[in-house]
Protein backbone atom coordinates (compact mmCIF):
# COMPACT_ATOMS: atom_id res chain seq x y z
CA MET A 1 133.76 91.41 117.24
CA THR A 2 132.72 91.36 113.62
CA GLN A 3 132.43 94.85 112.20
CA PRO A 4 129.06 95.66 110.58
CA SER A 5 129.24 95.77 106.81
CA ARG A 6 128.74 99.05 105.01
CA PRO A 7 125.83 99.39 102.54
CA GLN A 8 128.18 99.37 99.56
CA ASP A 9 129.88 96.22 100.88
CA SER A 10 126.49 94.52 101.25
CA ARG A 11 125.46 95.48 97.76
CA ALA A 12 128.77 94.26 96.31
CA ALA A 13 128.48 90.95 98.14
CA LEU A 14 124.91 90.52 97.01
CA ALA A 15 125.78 91.35 93.40
CA SER A 16 128.68 88.89 93.41
CA PHE A 17 126.56 86.16 94.98
CA VAL A 18 123.65 86.61 92.60
CA THR A 19 125.93 86.80 89.57
CA ASN A 20 127.57 83.51 90.52
CA ARG A 21 124.22 81.85 91.14
CA LEU A 22 122.86 83.11 87.83
CA GLY A 23 125.95 81.91 86.06
CA ARG A 24 125.57 78.38 87.43
CA ALA A 25 121.85 78.42 86.68
CA ASN A 26 122.38 79.55 83.11
CA ALA A 27 125.09 76.94 82.55
CA ALA A 28 122.76 74.17 83.71
CA ARG A 29 119.76 75.39 81.78
CA PRO A 30 118.94 73.15 78.78
CA GLU A 31 118.62 74.65 75.33
CA PRO A 32 115.00 75.27 74.31
CA ALA A 33 113.45 72.69 72.03
CA THR A 34 112.53 75.35 69.49
CA GLU A 35 114.52 78.50 68.93
CA THR A 36 112.72 81.77 69.60
CA ARG A 37 113.11 84.19 66.75
CA LYS A 38 114.65 87.49 67.80
CA PRO A 39 115.43 90.63 65.83
CA VAL A 40 118.97 90.71 64.54
CA GLN A 41 120.87 93.21 66.70
CA SER A 42 124.47 94.14 67.23
CA GLU A 43 125.75 93.81 70.80
CA ASN A 44 125.59 97.57 71.32
CA GLN A 45 122.00 97.73 70.06
CA SER A 46 120.72 95.17 72.56
CA PHE A 47 118.25 96.62 75.06
CA GLU A 48 119.99 94.50 77.69
CA LYS A 49 122.96 96.88 77.34
CA LEU A 50 120.94 99.86 78.52
CA THR A 51 122.58 101.60 81.47
CA GLY A 52 121.13 100.30 84.72
CA TYR A 53 119.49 97.19 83.25
CA ARG A 54 122.10 94.85 84.74
CA GLU A 55 121.58 96.28 88.23
CA LEU A 56 117.81 96.00 87.79
CA ARG A 57 118.19 92.34 86.82
CA LEU A 58 120.45 91.67 89.79
CA GLN A 59 117.97 93.28 92.17
CA ARG A 60 115.12 91.18 90.84
CA SER A 61 117.20 88.00 90.95
CA ALA A 62 118.30 88.70 94.51
CA ALA A 63 114.68 89.11 95.59
CA ASP A 64 113.76 85.82 93.90
CA LEU A 65 116.61 83.98 95.61
CA ILE A 66 115.60 85.27 99.04
CA GLY A 67 111.95 84.59 98.35
CA LEU A 68 110.78 88.21 98.43
CA ASN A 69 107.72 89.21 96.46
CA ASN A 70 108.00 92.14 94.07
CA PRO A 71 106.43 95.08 95.98
CA PHE A 72 105.89 97.12 92.82
CA PHE A 73 103.11 97.05 90.20
CA ARG A 74 100.70 95.12 92.38
CA VAL A 75 97.18 94.95 90.99
CA HIS A 76 94.70 96.82 93.20
CA GLU A 77 91.07 95.78 92.91
CA SER A 78 89.55 98.86 94.56
CA ARG A 79 89.95 102.64 94.52
CA ALA A 80 93.02 104.28 96.04
CA ALA A 81 92.09 105.01 99.65
CA ALA A 82 93.05 104.30 103.26
CA THR A 83 92.39 100.62 102.52
CA THR A 84 92.79 98.63 99.32
CA ARG A 85 92.13 95.13 97.99
CA ILE A 86 94.89 93.04 96.45
CA GLU A 87 94.27 89.45 95.37
CA GLY A 88 90.94 89.50 97.20
CA LYS A 89 92.43 90.60 100.53
CA THR A 90 91.96 93.92 102.33
CA PHE A 91 95.05 95.89 103.34
CA ALA A 92 95.70 99.05 105.28
CA ASN A 93 97.03 101.24 102.48
CA TYR A 94 99.83 103.80 102.78
CA SER A 95 100.84 103.95 99.13
CA SER A 96 98.28 106.35 97.65
CA TYR A 97 98.16 110.16 97.51
CA ASP A 98 94.50 110.42 98.53
CA TYR A 99 95.42 112.82 101.34
CA LEU A 100 91.91 114.14 102.04
CA GLY A 101 89.92 111.07 101.04
CA LEU A 102 88.35 112.84 98.05
CA ASN A 103 88.88 109.99 95.59
CA GLY A 104 85.35 108.64 95.35
CA HIS A 105 83.77 111.64 97.11
CA PRO A 106 80.16 111.85 95.81
CA ALA A 107 80.58 115.39 94.47
CA VAL A 108 83.86 114.52 92.74
CA SER A 109 82.57 111.35 91.10
CA GLY A 110 79.30 113.09 90.22
CA ALA A 111 81.14 115.93 88.46
CA ALA A 112 83.14 113.43 86.42
CA ARG A 113 79.99 111.53 85.38
CA LYS A 114 78.23 114.74 84.36
CA ALA A 115 81.25 115.80 82.28
CA ILE A 116 81.29 112.44 80.49
CA GLU A 117 77.62 112.79 79.65
CA THR A 118 78.18 116.28 78.26
CA TYR A 119 81.65 116.17 76.70
CA GLY A 120 82.59 112.51 76.45
CA THR A 121 85.85 111.11 77.76
CA SER A 122 88.35 112.98 75.59
CA ALA A 123 89.12 116.51 74.41
CA SER A 124 90.12 114.70 71.19
CA ALA A 125 92.99 117.07 70.29
CA SER A 126 95.07 119.86 71.75
CA ARG A 127 93.00 122.73 73.09
CA LEU A 128 94.57 124.95 70.45
CA VAL A 129 93.07 122.70 67.74
CA ALA A 130 89.91 121.27 69.33
CA GLY A 131 89.00 124.41 71.25
CA GLU A 132 88.20 124.92 74.90
CA ARG A 133 85.68 123.14 77.10
CA PRO A 134 84.00 124.99 79.96
CA VAL A 135 85.35 122.45 82.48
CA HIS A 136 88.94 123.39 81.57
CA LEU A 137 88.29 127.09 82.05
CA LYS A 138 86.36 126.56 85.28
CA LEU A 139 89.21 124.51 86.78
CA GLU A 140 91.82 127.08 85.74
CA GLN A 141 89.80 129.94 87.19
CA ALA A 142 89.34 128.06 90.47
CA LEU A 143 93.07 127.31 90.80
CA ALA A 144 94.07 130.88 89.93
CA SER A 145 91.65 132.13 92.58
CA HIS A 146 93.05 129.69 95.13
CA TYR A 147 96.61 130.96 94.65
CA GLU A 148 95.50 134.58 94.15
CA THR A 149 97.11 134.78 90.70
CA GLU A 150 95.92 136.33 87.46
CA ALA A 151 95.68 133.11 85.45
CA CYS A 152 96.30 129.37 85.30
CA VAL A 153 96.94 126.69 82.69
CA VAL A 154 96.30 122.97 83.25
CA MET A 155 98.12 120.19 81.42
CA VAL A 156 97.65 116.44 81.13
CA SER A 157 100.72 115.40 83.16
CA GLY A 158 102.23 116.78 86.35
CA HIS A 159 105.74 115.66 85.36
CA ALA A 160 105.35 117.17 81.89
CA THR A 161 104.08 120.43 83.39
CA ASN A 162 107.41 121.06 85.11
CA VAL A 163 109.43 119.85 82.15
CA THR A 164 107.64 121.94 79.55
CA THR A 165 107.26 125.07 81.70
CA ILE A 166 110.92 125.28 82.70
CA GLY A 167 111.97 124.25 79.20
CA ALA A 168 109.90 127.09 77.74
CA ILE A 169 110.87 130.00 79.99
CA LEU A 170 114.62 129.40 80.34
CA GLU A 171 117.38 129.44 77.71
CA PRO A 172 121.15 128.71 77.63
CA ALA A 173 121.99 132.22 78.88
CA ASP A 174 119.90 131.63 82.02
CA VAL A 175 120.33 129.69 85.24
CA ILE A 176 118.14 127.58 87.52
CA PHE A 177 118.87 127.23 91.24
CA HIS A 178 117.07 124.30 92.85
CA ASP A 179 116.95 122.37 96.10
CA ALA A 180 119.21 119.31 96.08
CA LEU A 181 116.16 117.08 96.66
CA ILE A 182 114.02 118.64 93.93
CA HIS A 183 111.77 116.40 91.82
CA ASN A 184 113.13 114.75 88.68
CA SER A 185 110.73 116.75 86.51
CA VAL A 186 112.45 120.02 87.48
CA VAL A 187 115.89 118.64 86.65
CA THR A 188 114.62 117.31 83.32
CA GLY A 189 113.07 120.68 82.49
CA ALA A 190 116.34 122.43 83.26
CA GLN A 191 118.20 120.04 80.96
CA LEU A 192 115.68 120.67 78.19
CA SER A 193 116.06 124.44 78.51
CA GLY A 194 119.85 124.39 78.16
CA ALA A 195 120.19 126.73 81.14
CA GLN A 196 122.92 126.28 83.72
CA ARG A 197 121.77 124.23 86.70
CA ARG A 198 122.99 124.74 90.26
CA SER A 199 121.69 122.88 93.30
CA PHE A 200 121.88 123.98 96.93
CA ALA A 201 121.69 121.98 100.15
CA HIS A 202 118.20 120.82 101.07
CA ASN A 203 116.03 123.50 102.70
CA ASP A 204 119.08 125.73 103.19
CA PRO A 205 118.51 129.38 102.18
CA ALA A 206 122.02 130.28 103.38
CA ALA A 207 123.53 127.81 100.92
CA LEU A 208 121.43 129.31 98.13
CA GLU A 209 122.53 132.81 99.10
CA LYS A 210 126.18 131.84 98.70
CA LEU A 211 125.46 130.49 95.23
CA LEU A 212 123.53 133.60 94.25
CA GLU A 213 126.24 135.91 95.52
CA ALA A 214 128.92 134.01 93.63
CA THR A 215 127.18 133.30 90.32
CA ARG A 216 123.96 135.27 89.79
CA HIS A 217 125.77 138.03 87.88
CA GLU A 218 126.99 135.51 85.28
CA HIS A 219 123.50 134.90 83.89
CA ARG A 220 120.66 136.83 82.30
CA ARG A 221 117.53 135.38 83.91
CA ALA A 222 117.42 133.22 87.02
CA LEU A 223 114.81 130.82 88.41
CA ILE A 224 114.74 129.43 91.95
CA VAL A 225 112.69 126.24 92.38
CA ILE A 226 111.64 124.69 95.70
CA GLU A 227 108.85 122.34 96.73
CA GLY A 228 105.98 122.86 99.13
CA LEU A 229 106.11 119.49 100.90
CA TYR A 230 109.00 117.25 99.87
CA SER A 231 107.63 113.89 98.81
CA MET A 232 110.50 111.72 100.08
CA ASP A 233 111.08 113.38 103.45
CA GLY A 234 107.81 115.11 104.34
CA ASP A 235 109.41 118.43 105.30
CA ALA A 236 108.84 121.98 104.05
CA PRO A 237 111.05 125.03 103.33
CA ASP A 238 111.14 128.45 104.94
CA LEU A 239 109.25 130.23 102.17
CA ALA A 240 109.81 133.75 103.51
CA ALA A 241 113.58 133.30 103.34
CA PHE A 242 113.42 132.24 99.69
CA VAL A 243 111.11 135.15 98.83
CA GLU A 244 113.63 137.55 100.34
CA LEU A 245 116.47 136.02 98.29
CA LYS A 246 114.56 136.09 95.03
CA ARG A 247 113.85 139.79 95.53
CA ARG A 248 117.38 140.70 96.48
CA TYR A 249 118.98 138.84 93.59
CA ASP A 250 116.31 139.55 90.96
CA CYS A 251 115.10 135.97 90.36
CA TRP A 252 111.82 134.27 89.65
CA LEU A 253 110.63 131.96 92.43
CA MET A 254 108.73 128.80 91.52
CA VAL A 255 107.07 126.57 94.12
CA ASP A 256 106.13 123.01 93.23
CA ASP A 257 103.18 122.64 95.60
CA ALA A 258 102.15 119.18 94.37
CA HIS A 259 102.17 117.61 97.85
CA GLY A 260 101.47 120.86 99.71
CA LEU A 261 97.98 121.63 98.42
CA GLY A 262 95.41 120.23 100.82
CA VAL A 263 98.11 119.44 103.39
CA LEU A 264 100.03 122.55 104.44
CA GLY A 265 98.37 125.36 106.38
CA CYS A 266 95.39 125.27 108.73
CA THR A 267 92.95 125.09 105.80
CA GLY A 268 95.25 123.15 103.44
CA ALA A 269 95.80 126.15 101.16
CA GLY A 270 99.45 125.21 100.66
CA LEU A 271 102.96 126.35 101.49
CA HIS A 272 102.11 130.07 101.61
CA GLU A 273 99.50 129.50 104.32
CA HIS A 274 101.85 127.20 106.23
CA CYS A 275 104.56 129.88 106.26
CA GLY A 276 102.32 132.95 106.60
CA VAL A 277 103.50 134.40 103.28
CA ASP A 278 101.38 136.27 100.72
CA ALA A 279 100.78 133.91 97.78
CA ALA A 280 101.32 136.85 95.42
CA ASP A 281 104.99 136.98 96.48
CA ILE A 282 105.65 133.81 94.46
CA ASP A 283 106.08 134.20 90.70
CA ILE A 284 105.06 130.68 89.65
CA TRP A 285 102.84 128.23 91.52
CA MET A 286 102.98 124.73 90.12
CA GLY A 287 101.10 121.67 91.30
CA THR A 288 99.54 118.40 90.29
CA LEU A 289 95.97 117.16 90.26
CA SER A 290 96.70 113.57 91.31
CA LYS A 291 97.20 114.13 95.04
CA THR A 292 94.60 116.04 97.03
CA LEU A 293 92.52 116.79 93.92
CA SER A 294 91.98 113.10 93.05
CA SER A 295 92.46 113.49 89.31
CA CYS A 296 95.41 113.53 86.91
CA GLY A 297 97.49 116.31 85.36
CA GLY A 298 99.36 119.44 86.37
CA TYR A 299 98.89 123.20 86.55
CA VAL A 300 100.83 126.45 86.56
CA CYS A 301 99.37 129.55 88.21
CA GLY A 302 100.93 132.96 87.73
CA PRO A 303 100.78 136.21 85.79
CA ALA A 304 98.47 136.29 82.76
CA VAL A 305 101.47 137.02 80.51
CA LEU A 306 103.21 133.83 81.64
CA VAL A 307 100.10 131.69 81.14
CA GLU A 308 99.46 133.15 77.68
CA TYR A 309 103.09 132.47 76.75
CA LEU A 310 102.93 128.85 77.92
CA LYS A 311 99.67 128.20 76.08
CA CYS A 312 101.29 129.39 72.84
CA THR A 313 104.84 128.03 73.16
CA ALA A 314 105.16 125.19 75.72
CA GLY A 315 105.37 121.91 73.84
CA GLY A 316 103.76 119.92 76.64
CA PHE A 317 100.60 122.01 76.20
CA LEU A 318 100.72 123.07 72.58
CA TYR A 319 101.38 119.62 71.11
CA SER A 320 99.51 117.53 73.66
CA VAL A 321 95.86 116.58 73.78
CA GLY A 322 93.79 118.67 76.15
CA MET A 323 92.95 117.29 79.58
CA SER A 324 90.14 114.75 79.60
CA PRO A 325 86.93 116.65 80.53
CA PRO A 326 85.90 114.30 83.38
CA LEU A 327 89.36 114.66 84.94
CA ALA A 328 89.12 118.45 84.81
CA ALA A 329 85.63 118.38 86.30
CA ALA A 330 86.69 115.99 89.06
CA ALA A 331 89.67 118.18 90.01
CA GLU A 332 87.54 121.32 90.21
CA ALA A 333 84.98 119.52 92.37
CA ALA A 334 87.74 118.24 94.66
CA LEU A 335 89.14 121.76 95.06
CA SER A 336 85.64 122.94 96.02
CA ALA A 337 85.40 120.10 98.55
CA LEU A 338 88.76 121.12 100.04
CA HIS A 339 87.39 124.62 100.62
CA ALA A 340 84.00 123.45 101.88
CA GLU A 341 85.19 120.67 104.22
CA PRO A 342 88.22 121.95 106.19
CA GLU A 343 87.65 119.24 108.78
CA ARG A 344 89.33 116.84 106.35
CA VAL A 345 92.56 118.82 106.66
CA GLU A 346 92.33 118.70 110.45
CA ARG A 347 91.77 114.92 110.41
CA LEU A 348 94.79 114.48 108.17
CA ARG A 349 96.87 116.59 110.55
CA ARG A 350 95.74 114.54 113.57
CA ASN A 351 96.50 111.27 111.79
CA GLY A 352 99.94 112.39 110.69
CA ASN A 353 100.83 113.64 114.16
CA LEU A 354 99.56 110.38 115.68
CA PHE A 355 101.72 108.30 113.35
CA LEU A 356 104.81 110.47 113.86
CA ALA A 357 104.51 110.50 117.65
CA GLY A 358 104.01 106.73 117.75
CA ALA A 359 106.94 106.12 115.43
CA LYS A 360 109.28 108.29 117.49
CA LYS A 361 108.14 106.61 120.70
CA ARG A 362 109.12 103.25 119.20
CA GLY A 363 112.51 104.60 118.13
CA LEU A 364 111.83 104.66 114.39
CA ASN A 365 113.86 107.06 112.25
CA THR A 366 111.41 109.44 110.58
CA GLY A 367 114.05 111.91 109.41
CA THR A 368 112.90 115.52 109.09
CA SER A 369 109.21 114.77 108.47
CA LEU A 370 106.71 117.28 109.84
CA GLY A 371 104.23 114.46 110.41
CA LEU A 372 101.68 115.68 107.91
CA ALA A 373 100.97 113.65 104.76
CA VAL A 374 104.37 112.07 104.11
CA ILE A 375 106.26 110.16 106.79
CA PRO A 376 109.32 108.05 105.95
CA VAL A 377 110.72 105.31 108.14
CA ILE A 378 114.39 105.22 107.22
CA VAL A 379 115.90 101.76 107.64
CA GLY A 380 119.24 101.82 105.80
CA ASP A 381 120.05 99.58 102.86
CA SER A 382 117.69 98.69 100.01
CA LEU A 383 117.47 94.99 100.79
CA LYS A 384 116.33 95.71 104.34
CA ALA A 385 113.69 98.15 103.09
CA VAL A 386 112.28 95.66 100.57
CA THR A 387 112.30 92.86 103.16
CA LEU A 388 110.51 95.01 105.72
CA SER A 389 107.89 96.00 103.14
CA ASP A 390 107.34 92.32 102.30
CA ARG A 391 106.93 91.35 105.95
CA LEU A 392 104.38 94.12 106.50
CA PHE A 393 102.48 93.08 103.39
CA LYS A 394 102.11 89.61 104.88
CA ARG A 395 100.57 91.32 107.91
CA GLY A 396 98.00 93.21 105.83
CA ILE A 397 99.87 96.52 105.46
CA ASN A 398 100.65 97.89 102.00
CA VAL A 399 103.55 100.36 102.01
CA GLN A 400 106.21 100.80 99.34
CA PRO A 401 109.97 100.68 99.86
CA ILE A 402 111.95 103.59 98.42
CA ILE A 403 115.36 102.30 97.45
CA HIS A 404 118.53 103.26 95.60
CA PRO A 405 118.80 105.09 93.20
CA ALA A 406 115.60 106.99 94.14
CA VAL A 407 117.35 107.79 97.44
CA PRO A 408 120.95 107.21 98.58
CA GLU A 409 121.55 103.59 99.55
CA ARG A 410 122.16 104.45 103.21
CA SER A 411 118.77 106.18 103.46
CA SER A 412 116.49 103.57 101.89
CA ARG A 413 113.11 103.70 103.55
CA LEU A 414 109.46 102.87 103.70
CA ARG A 415 107.35 105.90 102.76
CA PHE A 416 103.96 106.24 104.43
CA PHE A 417 101.32 108.44 102.78
CA MET A 418 98.76 109.45 105.39
CA THR A 419 95.13 110.26 104.64
CA SER A 420 92.32 111.88 106.58
CA GLU A 421 90.50 108.54 106.40
CA HIS A 422 93.00 106.33 108.25
CA THR A 423 91.71 105.34 111.68
CA PRO A 424 93.65 105.67 114.96
CA GLU A 425 93.47 101.89 115.28
CA GLN A 426 95.04 101.38 111.85
CA ILE A 427 97.81 103.81 112.67
CA ALA A 428 98.61 102.25 116.05
CA GLU A 429 98.65 98.73 114.60
CA THR A 430 100.83 99.84 111.70
CA VAL A 431 103.44 101.60 113.86
CA ALA A 432 103.64 98.58 116.17
CA ALA A 433 104.05 96.20 113.22
CA VAL A 434 106.81 98.32 111.66
CA ALA A 435 108.73 98.54 114.93
CA ASP A 436 108.37 94.81 115.67
CA GLU A 437 109.38 93.63 112.20
CA LEU A 438 112.29 96.05 111.98
CA ALA A 439 113.57 94.92 115.37
CA ALA A 440 113.35 91.30 114.24
CA LEU A 441 115.38 92.11 111.14
CA GLU A 442 118.05 93.97 113.05
CA THR A 443 118.52 91.41 115.83
CA GLY A 444 118.76 88.44 113.51
CA ALA A 445 121.48 87.54 111.04
CA THR A 446 122.26 90.10 108.36
CA LEU A 447 120.19 89.78 105.22
CA ILE A 448 123.23 88.71 103.22
CA GLU A 449 123.91 85.97 105.78
CA GLN A 450 120.28 84.87 105.57
CA LEU A 451 120.48 84.70 101.81
CA MET A 452 123.70 82.66 101.90
CA ALA A 453 122.28 80.25 104.49
CA ARG A 454 118.92 79.85 102.76
CA ARG A 455 120.48 79.03 99.40
CA GLY A 456 123.35 76.94 100.72
CA ALA A 457 126.08 79.26 99.46
C-alpha cells in the first residue's frame, strides 16, 4: 500500500514540479519585440529577492497550472453581509466580520451621514493638531462605559493600536508574555518596544505560570496579553485564571477583545461577561471597530493615566491623523445598537451552534471552536484548502482558505465567519456542500497526482 505523503513532501513535490514547468515555459518564451525599461538594480536590490517572494510566486503558479482561481482580493459589489455579490452573482458570504449584521443598519448609516454633513469626511490632521471632534469623545466615552474603565482612546487602525500601545508602555528592561497564537500586531508591538518576548502554549494558564515563576523576577515591568475570541480557532481563554496570575506575579493584563465584543457573553459584552469576571480586573482592554461595530480603527480602554500617556506619547496616535468623523459616529451608533438589540447576539449564537453541530455531525474537523462567530474547518495542507474554497465558490459559497504561513501547513483550513443574519437554510446547505466537496477531494487522487495528470507531467 502506498503511504500517504506528508504535507512537507507534498509541498516539496509541488515546488519542484512548478519550478520545472516554469523553467521550460521561460525557455520557450520569445523575447519581447520592444524592451521594457526597468530601473537599474543590483541583484541584491531586486524586489524579487525579498524573502518569501519566491514561495509566493510558486503558490500562484501552482494554482494557475491546476486551474484554481485566486480566492483573495475578489471584488465585492455589495456591502459586507451574510450575502455578497461578486461578478454579478450572489453568494452566501462567510468572509466578513459583520457578526451582528450592523453594517448598513439604519441608525449606523444615519449617524455616519449626519457626521459627514457636520464635520466632513476627515479630521484633516492628528487630534493633537486639528483638535477634537465631539464624535471622537462620544465614542470614547461609550467604550469606556462599556468596559467600566476610566477612559478610552480610539485610533485609526486596529493593528496599529496594538503596535503603538505596546511599543509605548514597554521598554528593553521589561517583558511581554503572550499566547502562542496571539495576533501579529501584538508581536510587532513587542518587537518595537525592545522588551523581552515569551510565548506560552495556547490557552494554557499553567504554561504561563511556569514561565512567570522562572523568569518574572528578571524584568522590571511585565505585560500578559491574551485575546477574547481567537480569530483563527474560535476559542476563548479562562480569563479568571489569567487575572489570578497577573495579580500573583505583579503584571499588567491586556485583553485583545477585537473578536469578542458583540460575540462573547449573553449580551455580547465581551470576554469578561463570557467568563463571569469583573471587567475592572483587567488593566488594558483593547479592541477594533471593524468587527461588530461596523467601522474601522482600534481602541484602548483603561485607567485615565494610561490613556493620557498614550495620547501624548504613542506614535500611532500622536503622529497619525484623527479617526474620520463618520467612522467614529458609525462605531458609536453600532455600540448603541448592540446594547439596544440583544436579540442579535442570540441569533448569532443560534447560528454558530447550528453550524458547529452540523459540521460535527458530518465529521468535519472544527478544532477547538466554541461555535460562536468563528468556526474553522481544518482540512490539512494548503493546496487542499485552496481547492476546497474554489469548489465551494463555484457552488455559490464565498469562504476564504487560511494557509501556510498564516497557520501551520498541517492545519490549513477554511475559516467561516458567522453572522446573526445567516439563515438556517444557508447554514445547512453550506455544511452539506463542505462535507460533500471535502469527501470528493479525499476519495479521489491526491492533488499532486491530479496536477501531474492534468498537465501531462
